[in-house]
């Protein structure tokens, strides 16, 4: 079969059980292929329900589905040799048949690759989260040091103001020093609060990473 140009490959899924549902979901967001119909004698089978919810045609009679000529592949996922033989005998279009065994292997391989990718993402996210925790602890230590320095600066400014008041006219230098020290202390305190705000943002990011990890699991 030649590769279709300018359109999605159309697939008919025969079998509405768990493998049929997996097959249907696999093609839901595909840019290359789409499920044109799902067939199962049980109209309440999982893949049948999913197909109807997505607006995809469903059939309870295999013969009616096989009459369609716009299908490129028929995916037989019932595991029944009789169903597979019936498809081979009655398929009217030039569609190719993918049997249950091949379909199962494809789905299994995709699932294994997905799990490998998830584990890699999980390892990376855990590493990032741990690094964030280390950085947060380091920043918390810096904030404590800044707070200690600002307290010392405020104490020095207070002493300078006291000395300035004692010295009177000769204490103007002390007063100027006190003002600069007080301003430096306030600025340092402001920086500490900004770091606190950044920390809070980082904690929020870390919480989001934890939530993403839970979803991956």
C-alpha atoms as a PDB file:
ATOM      1  CA  UNK A   1       0.000   0.000   0.000  1.00  0.00           C
ATOM      2  CA  UNK A   2       1.368   3.421  -0.936  1.00  0.00           C
ATOM      3  CA  UNK A   3       1.603   6.168   1.656  1.00  0.00           C
ATOM      4  CA  UNK A   4      -1.487   8.432   1.584  1.00  0.00           C
ATOM      5  CA  UNK A   5      -0.656  12.009   0.666  1.00  0.00           C
ATOM      6  CA  UNK A   6      -2.469  15.050   2.049  1.00  0.00           C
ATOM      7  CA  UNK A   7      -4.774  13.193   4.440  1.00  0.00           C
ATOM      8  CA  UNK A   8      -4.750  11.145   7.585  1.00  0.00           C
ATOM      9  CA  UNK A   9      -4.576   7.376   7.371  1.00  0.00           C
ATOM     10  CA  UNK A  10      -7.982   5.924   8.274  1.00  0.00           C
ATOM     11  CA  UNK A  11      -8.141   2.937  10.571  1.00  0.00           C
ATOM     12  CA  UNK A  12     -10.988   0.603  11.432  1.00  0.00           C
ATOM     13  CA  UNK A  13     -10.720  -0.996  14.876  1.00  0.00           C
ATOM     14  CA  UNK A  14     -12.358  -4.402  15.228  1.00  0.00           C
ATOM     15  CA  UNK A  15     -12.736  -5.195  18.916  1.00  0.00           C
ATOM     16  CA  UNK A  16     -14.035  -2.939  21.649  1.00  0.00           C
ATOM     17  CA  UNK A  17     -12.234  -4.414  24.642  1.00  0.00           C
ATOM     18  CA  UNK A  18      -9.216  -3.081  26.538  1.00  0.00           C
ATOM     19  CA  UNK A  19      -6.808  -3.490  23.612  1.00  0.00           C
ATOM     20  CA  UNK A  20      -9.328  -1.839  21.312  1.00  0.00           C
ATOM     21  CA  UNK A  21      -9.631   1.040  23.753  1.00  0.00           C
ATOM     22  CA  UNK A  22      -5.846   1.405  23.926  1.00  0.00           C
ATOM     23  CA  UNK A  23      -5.666   1.402  20.146  1.00  0.00           C
ATOM     24  CA  UNK A  24      -8.413   3.994  19.871  1.00  0.00           C
ATOM     25  CA  UNK A  25      -6.773   6.259  22.451  1.00  0.00           C
ATOM     26  CA  UNK A  26      -3.360   5.906  20.779  1.00  0.00           C
ATOM     27  CA  UNK A  27      -4.692   7.482  17.587  1.00  0.00           C
ATOM     28  CA  UNK A  28      -6.863  10.133  19.268  1.00  0.00           C
ATOM     29  CA  UNK A  29      -4.231  12.865  19.081  1.00  0.00           C
ATOM     30  CA  UNK A  30      -2.319  11.585  16.079  1.00  0.00           C
ATOM     31  CA  UNK A  31      -1.588  13.939  13.207  1.00  0.00           C
ATOM     32  CA  UNK A  32      -1.008  10.999  10.853  1.00  0.00           C
ATOM     33  CA  UNK A  33      -3.901   8.627  11.505  1.00  0.00           C
ATOM     34  CA  UNK A  34      -7.451   8.561  12.801  1.00  0.00           C
ATOM     35  CA  UNK A  35      -9.930   5.882  13.777  1.00  0.00           C
ATOM     36  CA  UNK A  36     -12.821   5.854  11.306  1.00  0.00           C
ATOM     37  CA  UNK A  37     -14.887   3.270  13.169  1.00  0.00           C
ATOM     38  CA  UNK A  38     -14.924   0.755  16.004  1.00  0.00           C
ATOM     39  CA  UNK A  39     -16.696  -2.605  15.782  1.00  0.00           C
ATOM     40  CA  UNK A  40     -17.896  -4.839  18.592  1.00  0.00           C
ATOM     41  CA  UNK A  41     -21.002  -6.926  19.182  1.00  0.00           C
ATOM     42  CA  UNK A  42     -21.238  -5.333  22.624  1.00  0.00           C
ATOM     43  CA  UNK A  43     -22.336  -1.727  22.143  1.00  0.00           C
ATOM     44  CA  UNK A  44     -21.255  -1.000  25.735  1.00  0.00           C
ATOM     45  CA  UNK A  45     -17.676  -2.211  25.242  1.00  0.00           C
ATOM     46  CA  UNK A  46     -15.047   0.331  26.443  1.00  0.00           C
ATOM     47  CA  UNK A  47     -13.747   1.274  22.989  1.00  0.00           C
ATOM     48  CA  UNK A  48     -17.317   1.552  21.661  1.00  0.00           C
ATOM     49  CA  UNK A  49     -18.245   3.994  24.426  1.00  0.00           C
ATOM     50  CA  UNK A  50     -15.066   6.017  23.882  1.00  0.00           C
ATOM     51  CA  UNK A  51     -15.676   6.152  20.142  1.00  0.00           C
ATOM     52  CA  UNK A  52     -19.254   7.365  20.512  1.00  0.00           C
ATOM     53  CA  UNK A  53     -18.160  10.007  23.014  1.00  0.00           C
ATOM     54  CA  UNK A  54     -15.620  11.227  20.448  1.00  0.00           C
ATOM     55  CA  UNK A  55     -18.169  11.244  17.615  1.00  0.00           C
ATOM     56  CA  UNK A  56     -16.598   8.246  15.850  1.00  0.00           C
ATOM     57  CA  UNK A  57     -18.825   5.757  14.033  1.00  0.00           C
ATOM     58  CA  UNK A  58     -19.476   2.427  15.769  1.00  0.00           C
ATOM     59  CA  UNK A  59     -20.863  -0.844  14.425  1.00  0.00           C
ATOM     60  CA  UNK A  60     -22.173  -3.945  16.154  1.00  0.00           C
ATOM     61  CA  UNK A  61     -22.096  -5.915  12.873  1.00  0.00           C
ATOM     62  CA  UNK A  62     -18.684  -6.637  11.353  1.00  0.00           C
ATOM     63  CA  UNK A  63     -20.025  -7.041   7.819  1.00  0.00           C
ATOM     64  CA  UNK A  64     -21.410  -3.499   7.749  1.00  0.00           C
ATOM     65  CA  UNK A  65     -18.061  -2.063   8.804  1.00  0.00           C
ATOM     66  CA  UNK A  66     -16.149  -4.101   6.221  1.00  0.00           C
ATOM     67  CA  UNK A  67     -18.318  -2.636   3.446  1.00  0.00           C
ATOM     68  CA  UNK A  68     -16.583   0.713   3.831  1.00  0.00           C
ATOM     69  CA  UNK A  69     -14.030   1.459   1.147  1.00  0.00           C
ATOM     70  CA  UNK A  70     -12.378   4.506   2.726  1.00  0.00           C
ATOM     71  CA  UNK A  71     -10.269   2.519   5.185  1.00  0.00           C
ATOM     72  CA  UNK A  72      -6.497   2.124   4.882  1.00  0.00           C
ATOM     73  CA  UNK A  73      -5.972  -0.349   7.727  1.00  0.00           C
ATOM     74  CA  UNK A  74      -8.220  -2.701   9.679  1.00  0.00           C
ATOM     75  CA  UNK A  75      -6.897  -3.318  13.175  1.00  0.00           C
ATOM     76  CA  UNK A  76      -8.174  -6.660  14.476  1.00  0.00           C
ATOM     77  CA  UNK A  77      -7.813  -6.682  18.267  1.00  0.00           C
ATOM     78  CA  UNK A  78     -10.318  -9.341  19.333  1.00  0.00           C
ATOM     79  CA  UNK A  79      -7.715 -12.108  19.362  1.00  0.00           C
ATOM     80  CA  UNK A  80     -10.204 -14.377  17.578  1.00  0.00           C
ATOM     81  CA  UNK A  81      -8.875 -16.367  14.619  1.00  0.00           C
ATOM     82  CA  UNK A  82     -12.448 -16.644  13.298  1.00  0.00           C
ATOM     83  CA  UNK A  83     -12.884 -12.872  13.289  1.00  0.00           C
ATOM     84  CA  UNK A  84      -9.523 -12.437  11.569  1.00  0.00           C
ATOM     85  CA  UNK A  85     -10.460 -14.980   8.898  1.00  0.00           C
ATOM     86  CA  UNK A  86     -13.836 -13.309   8.396  1.00  0.00           C
ATOM     87  CA  UNK A  87     -12.089  -9.950   7.844  1.00  0.00           C
ATOM     88  CA  UNK A  88      -9.768 -11.525   5.282  1.00  0.00           C
ATOM     89  CA  UNK A  89     -12.706 -13.041   3.403  1.00  0.00           C
ATOM     90  CA  UNK A  90     -15.101 -10.088   3.461  1.00  0.00           C
ATOM     91  CA  UNK A  91     -12.890  -7.003   3.363  1.00  0.00           C
ATOM     92  CA  UNK A  92     -13.940  -5.191   0.191  1.00  0.00           C
ATOM     93  CA  UNK A  93     -11.547  -2.287   0.153  1.00  0.00           C
ATOM     94  CA  UNK A  94      -7.810  -2.376  -0.512  1.00  0.00           C
ATOM     95  CA  UNK A  95      -7.145  -1.965   3.195  1.00  0.00           C
ATOM     96  CA  UNK A  96      -4.378  -3.840   4.946  1.00  0.00           C
ATOM     97  CA  UNK A  97      -5.065  -5.986   7.998  1.00  0.00           C
ATOM     98  CA  UNK A  98      -3.122  -5.662  11.232  1.00  0.00           C
ATOM     99  CA  UNK A  99      -3.727  -8.732  13.380  1.00  0.00           C
ATOM    100  CA  UNK A 100      -4.216  -8.829  17.143  1.00  0.00           C
ATOM    101  CA  UNK A 101      -0.734 -10.231  17.780  1.00  0.00           C
ATOM    102  CA  UNK A 102       1.045  -7.424  15.926  1.00  0.00           C
ATOM    103  CA  UNK A 103      -1.262  -4.809  17.426  1.00  0.00           C
ATOM    104  CA  UNK A 104      -0.537  -6.108  20.928  1.00  0.00           C
ATOM    105  CA  UNK A 105       3.227  -5.992  20.320  1.00  0.00           C
ATOM    106  CA  UNK A 106       2.991  -2.428  18.997  1.00  0.00           C
ATOM    107  CA  UNK A 107       0.940  -1.273  21.977  1.00  0.00           C
ATOM    108  CA  UNK A 108       3.251  -3.056  24.405  1.00  0.00           C
ATOM    109  CA  UNK A 109       6.330  -1.479  22.825  1.00  0.00           C
ATOM    110  CA  UNK A 110       4.720   1.975  22.965  1.00  0.00           C
ATOM    111  CA  UNK A 111       3.814   1.456  26.613  1.00  0.00           C
ATOM    112  CA  UNK A 112       7.347   0.340  27.457  1.00  0.00           C
ATOM    113  CA  UNK A 113       8.813   3.390  25.705  1.00  0.00           C
ATOM    114  CA  UNK A 114       6.348   5.633  27.527  1.00  0.00           C
ATOM    115  CA  UNK A 115       7.354   4.160  30.881  1.00  0.00           C
ATOM    116  CA  UNK A 116      11.053   4.610  30.098  1.00  0.00           C
ATOM    117  CA  UNK A 117      10.420   8.241  29.166  1.00  0.00           C
ATOM    118  CA  UNK A 118       8.352   8.807  32.317  1.00  0.00           C
ATOM    119  CA  UNK A 119      11.073   7.309  34.518  1.00  0.00           C
ATOM    120  CA  UNK A 120      13.670   9.565  32.901  1.00  0.00           C
ATOM    121  CA  UNK A 121      11.451  12.615  33.414  1.00  0.00           C
ATOM    122  CA  UNK A 122      10.795  11.550  37.003  1.00  0.00           C
ATOM    123  CA  UNK A 123      14.524  11.209  37.704  1.00  0.00           C
ATOM    124  CA  UNK A 124      15.184  14.644  36.205  1.00  0.00           C
ATOM    125  CA  UNK A 125      12.338  16.259  38.145  1.00  0.00           C
ATOM    126  CA  UNK A 126      13.443  14.653  41.416  1.00  0.00           C
ATOM    127  CA  UNK A 127      16.974  15.936  40.799  1.00  0.00           C
ATOM    128  CA  UNK A 128      15.674  19.450  40.126  1.00  0.00           C
ATOM    129  CA  UNK A 129      13.451  19.337  43.206  1.00  0.00           C
ATOM    130  CA  UNK A 130      16.352  18.206  45.407  1.00  0.00           C
ATOM    131  CA  UNK A 131      18.545  20.983  44.024  1.00  0.00           C
ATOM    132  CA  UNK A 132      15.786  23.484  44.736  1.00  0.00           C
ATOM    133  CA  UNK A 133      15.596  22.242  48.330  1.00  0.00           C
ATOM    134  CA  UNK A 134      19.364  22.688  48.730  1.00  0.00           C
ATOM    135  CA  UNK A 135      19.174  26.199  47.262  1.00  0.00           C
ATOM    136  CA  UNK A 136      16.263  27.114  49.526  1.00  0.00           C
ATOM    137  CA  UNK A 137      18.195  26.015  52.589  1.00  0.00           C
ATOM    138  CA  UNK A 138      21.207  28.044  51.463  1.00  0.00           C
ATOM    139  CA  UNK A 139      19.050  31.121  50.866  1.00  0.00           C
ATOM    140  CA  UNK A 140      17.420  30.716  54.257  1.00  0.00           C
ATOM    141  CA  UNK A 141      20.909  30.781  55.791  1.00  0.00           C
ATOM    142  CA  UNK A 142      21.780  33.943  53.847  1.00  0.00           C
ATOM    143  CA  UNK A 143      18.592  35.632  55.048  1.00  0.00           C
ATOM    144  CA  UNK A 144      19.474  34.837  58.644  1.00  0.00           C
ATOM    145  CA  UNK A 145      22.919  36.362  58.132  1.00  0.00           C
ATOM    146  CA  UNK A 146      21.429  39.455  56.498  1.00  0.00           C
ATOM    147  CA  UNK A 147      18.975  39.828  59.369  1.00  0.00           C
ATOM    148  CA  UNK A 148      21.870  39.591  61.825  1.00  0.00           C
ATOM    149  CA  UNK A 149      23.827  42.226  59.876  1.00  0.00           C
ATOM    150  CA  UNK A 150      20.835  44.581  59.710  1.00  0.00           C
ATOM    151  CA  UNK A 151      20.315  44.223  63.465  1.00  0.00           C
ATOM    152  CA  UNK A 152      23.993  45.084  64.016  1.00  0.00           C
ATOM    153  CA  UNK A 153      23.712  48.064  61.659  1.00  0.00           C
ATOM    154  CA  UNK A 154      20.637  49.354  63.468  1.00  0.00           C
ATOM    155  CA  UNK A 155      22.510  49.000  66.752  1.00  0.00           C
ATOM    156  CA  UNK A 156      25.514  50.906  65.343  1.00  0.00           C
ATOM    157  CA  UNK A 157      23.227  53.614  63.965  1.00  0.00           C
ATOM    158  CA  UNK A 158      21.564  53.982  67.348  1.00  0.00           C
ATOM    159  CA  UNK A 159      24.951  54.270  69.080  1.00  0.00           C
ATOM    160  CA  UNK A 160      26.082  56.835  66.509  1.00  0.00           C
ATOM    161  CA  UNK A 161      22.943  58.890  67.104  1.00  0.00           C
ATOM    162  CA  UNK A 162      23.513  58.756  70.859  1.00  0.00           C
ATOM    163  CA  UNK A 163      27.133  59.874  70.442  1.00  0.00           C
ATOM    164  CA  UNK A 164      26.035  62.633  68.067  1.00  0.00           C
ATOM    165  CA  UNK A 165      23.538  63.963  70.578  1.00  0.00           C
ATOM    166  CA  UNK A 166      26.178  63.899  73.299  1.00  0.00           C
ATOM    167  CA  UNK A 167      28.750  65.685  71.193  1.00  0.00           C
ATOM    168  CA  UNK A 168      26.319  68.402  70.168  1.00  0.00           C
ATOM    169  CA  UNK A 169      27.692  70.653  67.428  1.00  0.00           C
ATOM    170  CA  UNK A 170      30.823  68.516  67.169  1.00  0.00           C
ATOM    171  CA  UNK A 171      28.756  65.388  66.640  1.00  0.00           C
ATOM    172  CA  UNK A 172      27.447  66.194  63.203  1.00  0.00           C
ATOM    173  CA  UNK A 173      29.782  63.610  61.686  1.00  0.00           C
ATOM    174  CA  UNK A 174      28.296  60.957  63.950  1.00  0.00           C
ATOM    175  CA  UNK A 175      24.796  62.005  62.891  1.00  0.00           C
ATOM    176  CA  UNK A 176      25.651  61.694  59.198  1.00  0.00           C
ATOM    177  CA  UNK A 177      27.238  58.302  59.782  1.00  0.00           C
ATOM    178  CA  UNK A 178      24.150  57.222  61.726  1.00  0.00           C
ATOM    179  CA  UNK A 179      21.881  58.223  58.856  1.00  0.00           C
ATOM    180  CA  UNK A 180      23.941  56.287  56.303  1.00  0.00           C
ATOM    181  CA  UNK A 181      24.164  53.244  58.537  1.00  0.00           C
ATOM    182  CA  UNK A 182      20.392  53.318  59.131  1.00  0.00           C
ATOM    183  CA  UNK A 183      19.753  53.624  55.392  1.00  0.00           C
ATOM    184  CA  UNK A 184      22.093  50.698  54.704  1.00  0.00           C
ATOM    185  CA  UNK A 185      20.310  48.607  57.325  1.00  0.00           C
ATOM    186  CA  UNK A 186      16.909  49.375  55.786  1.00  0.00           C
ATOM    187  CA  UNK A 187      18.202  48.518  52.319  1.00  0.00           C
ATOM    188  CA  UNK A 188      19.635  45.225  53.550  1.00  0.00           C
ATOM    189  CA  UNK A 189      16.330  44.434  55.247  1.00  0.00           C
ATOM    190  CA  UNK A 190      14.498  45.148  51.986  1.00  0.00           C
ATOM    191  CA  UNK A 191      16.819  42.775  50.117  1.00  0.00           C
ATOM    192  CA  UNK A 192      16.141  40.083  52.703  1.00  0.00           C
ATOM    193  CA  UNK A 193      12.379  40.464  52.206  1.00  0.00           C
ATOM    194  CA  UNK A 194      12.808  40.265  48.417  1.00  0.00           C
ATOM    195  CA  UNK A 195      14.780  37.051  48.854  1.00  0.00           C
ATOM    196  CA  UNK A 196      11.957  35.772  51.044  1.00  0.00           C
ATOM    197  CA  UNK A 197       9.486  36.501  48.250  1.00  0.00           C
ATOM    198  CA  UNK A 198      11.658  34.691  45.704  1.00  0.00           C
ATOM    199  CA  UNK A 199      11.895  31.759  48.107  1.00  0.00           C
ATOM    200  CA  UNK A 200       8.123  31.609  48.312  1.00  0.00           C
ATOM    201  CA  UNK A 201       7.940  31.499  44.504  1.00  0.00           C
ATOM    202  CA  UNK A 202      10.508  28.705  44.406  1.00  0.00           C
ATOM    203  CA  UNK A 203       8.530  26.757  47.024  1.00  0.00           C
ATOM    204  CA  UNK A 204       5.505  27.098  44.748  1.00  0.00           C
ATOM    205  CA  UNK A 205       7.497  25.726  41.800  1.00  0.00           C
ATOM    206  CA  UNK A 206       8.697  22.839  43.947  1.00  0.00           C
ATOM    207  CA  UNK A 207       5.098  22.041  44.920  1.00  0.00           C
ATOM    208  CA  UNK A 208       4.129  22.037  41.241  1.00  0.00           C
ATOM    209  CA  UNK A 209       6.961  19.605  40.503  1.00  0.00           C
ATOM    210  CA  UNK A 210       5.750  17.308  43.278  1.00  0.00           C
ATOM    211  CA  UNK A 211       2.244  17.398  41.824  1.00  0.00           C
ATOM    212  CA  UNK A 212       3.599  16.577  38.359  1.00  0.00           C
ATOM    213  CA  UNK A 213       5.557  13.652  39.800  1.00  0.00           C
ATOM    214  CA  UNK A 214       2.410  12.217  41.386  1.00  0.00           C
ATOM    215  CA  UNK A 215       0.628  12.432  38.028  1.00  0.00           C
ATOM    216  CA  UNK A 216       3.503  10.616  36.330  1.00  0.00           C
ATOM    217  CA  UNK A 217       3.228   7.798  38.833  1.00  0.00           C
END
